[in-house]
Amino acid sequence: FYKLLTVDLKHKDDSETETGIENNKKHGWANIRFGGAAPKFGTMAWQVFLGFLGYDFMFYWSHRLLHSPQFYKRVHKKHHMFHTPIGISSAHEHVVESIFQLFNWYI
């Protein structure tokens, strides 16, 4: 099991290896880098645009699926029962719908 946690960062001999646990303490669980040059603005712009486009695509099709006969009466109807046109009313939904829509963030 210990060998699975060992990461050889620079392909050097065993004396200079760093375990996954040590790497986790150093860089965090997501292994996000904070040093080095920042990405160019164009790179960040297309990545943010692609992220929004991907999320919007997933949300549209999952919401459309919730309007199908199999899901509407059992799950999605609760969302449409709230008739007050305020922003918080969009969060009025069945717990299954909440979990279903949450997966859009992870896909």
Protein backbone atom coordinates (compact mmCIF):
# COMPACT_ATOMS: atom_id res chain seq x y z
CA PHE A 1 0.00 0.00 0.00
CA TYR A 2 2.84 2.39 0.80
CA LYS A 3 4.30 1.95 -2.67
CA LEU A 4 1.01 3.17 -4.16
CA LEU A 5 1.44 6.45 -2.29
CA THR A 6 5.01 7.00 -3.45
CA VAL A 7 5.40 9.56 -6.22
CA ASP A 8 8.72 10.06 -7.96
CA LEU A 9 8.40 13.67 -9.05
CA LYS A 10 11.65 14.03 -11.00
CA HIS A 11 12.37 10.37 -11.85
CA LYS A 12 15.43 10.33 -9.61
CA ASP A 13 16.60 7.64 -7.23
CA ASP A 14 14.54 6.45 -4.25
CA SER A 15 16.20 8.86 -1.81
CA GLU A 16 14.54 11.85 -3.48
CA THR A 17 10.97 10.56 -3.75
CA GLU A 18 7.99 12.20 -2.11
CA THR A 19 5.03 10.24 -0.78
CA GLY A 20 1.49 11.12 -1.79
CA ILE A 21 0.81 12.17 1.80
CA GLU A 22 3.77 14.58 1.79
CA ASN A 23 2.67 15.91 -1.61
CA ASN A 24 -0.85 16.39 -0.23
CA LYS A 25 0.48 18.39 2.73
CA LYS A 26 2.58 20.51 0.38
CA HIS A 27 0.08 21.18 -2.44
CA GLY A 28 -3.34 20.40 -0.93
CA TRP A 29 -5.84 17.72 -1.90
CA ALA A 30 -6.51 19.22 -5.35
CA ASN A 31 -2.80 19.59 -6.16
CA ILE A 32 -3.38 23.21 -7.20
CA ARG A 33 -0.23 25.12 -8.02
CA PHE A 34 0.19 28.65 -6.74
CA GLY A 35 3.68 29.34 -8.05
CA GLY A 36 4.92 29.99 -11.56
CA ALA A 37 3.54 32.17 -14.30
CA ALA A 38 -0.20 32.77 -14.42
CA PRO A 39 -2.07 31.54 -17.50
CA LYS A 40 -2.63 34.09 -20.25
CA PHE A 41 -5.92 36.00 -20.26
CA GLY A 42 -6.98 34.31 -23.50
CA THR A 43 -6.46 30.87 -21.95
CA MET A 44 -8.55 31.77 -18.91
CA ALA A 45 -11.25 33.34 -21.09
CA TRP A 46 -11.78 30.31 -23.33
CA GLN A 47 -11.69 27.93 -20.35
CA VAL A 48 -14.34 29.95 -18.46
CA PHE A 49 -16.44 30.24 -21.63
CA LEU A 50 -16.19 26.52 -22.27
CA GLY A 51 -17.12 25.80 -18.64
CA PHE A 52 -20.22 27.98 -18.82
CA LEU A 53 -21.19 26.53 -22.19
CA GLY A 54 -20.76 22.98 -20.90
CA TYR A 55 -22.76 23.64 -17.74
CA ASP A 56 -25.54 25.39 -19.68
CA PHE A 57 -25.73 22.45 -22.11
CA MET A 58 -25.98 19.94 -19.26
CA PHE A 59 -28.51 22.03 -17.35
CA TYR A 60 -30.75 22.48 -20.40
CA TRP A 61 -30.90 18.77 -21.22
CA SER A 62 -31.28 17.63 -17.61
CA HIS A 63 -34.07 20.19 -17.06
CA ARG A 64 -35.75 19.06 -20.25
CA LEU A 65 -35.52 15.46 -19.00
CA LEU A 66 -37.24 16.55 -15.77
CA HIS A 67 -40.21 17.71 -17.89
CA SER A 68 -40.68 14.20 -19.30
CA PRO A 69 -43.75 12.27 -18.07
CA GLN A 70 -41.57 9.89 -16.01
CA PHE A 71 -40.09 12.67 -13.86
CA TYR A 72 -42.46 15.63 -13.97
CA LYS A 73 -45.28 14.41 -11.70
CA ARG A 74 -43.02 12.62 -9.22
CA VAL A 75 -40.13 15.08 -8.98
CA HIS A 76 -40.21 18.32 -10.98
CA LYS A 77 -43.80 19.41 -10.33
CA LYS A 78 -42.81 20.72 -6.89
CA HIS A 79 -40.53 23.27 -8.58
CA HIS A 80 -43.46 24.66 -10.62
CA MET A 81 -45.84 24.84 -7.63
CA PHE A 82 -44.11 27.99 -6.34
CA HIS A 83 -45.74 30.86 -8.26
CA THR A 84 -43.99 33.91 -6.80
CA PRO A 85 -41.55 35.28 -9.40
CA ILE A 86 -38.53 35.86 -7.16
CA GLY A 87 -35.05 34.41 -7.48
CA ILE A 88 -35.22 32.22 -4.39
CA SER A 89 -38.22 30.39 -5.82
CA SER A 90 -35.92 28.65 -8.29
CA ALA A 91 -34.50 26.68 -5.34
CA HIS A 92 -37.95 25.32 -4.43
CA GLU A 93 -37.50 21.76 -5.66
CA HIS A 94 -37.67 18.11 -4.74
CA VAL A 95 -34.54 16.66 -3.11
CA VAL A 96 -34.15 14.19 -5.99
CA GLU A 97 -34.11 17.11 -8.43
CA SER A 98 -31.48 18.87 -6.32
CA ILE A 99 -29.22 15.83 -6.41
CA PHE A 100 -29.90 15.32 -10.13
CA GLN A 101 -29.02 18.94 -10.97
CA LEU A 102 -25.96 18.85 -8.69
CA PHE A 103 -24.37 16.26 -10.99
CA ASN A 104 -24.22 18.92 -13.73
CA TRP A 105 -21.38 20.55 -11.80
CA TYR A 106 -19.35 17.34 -11.77
CA ILE A 107 -19.82 16.13 -15.34
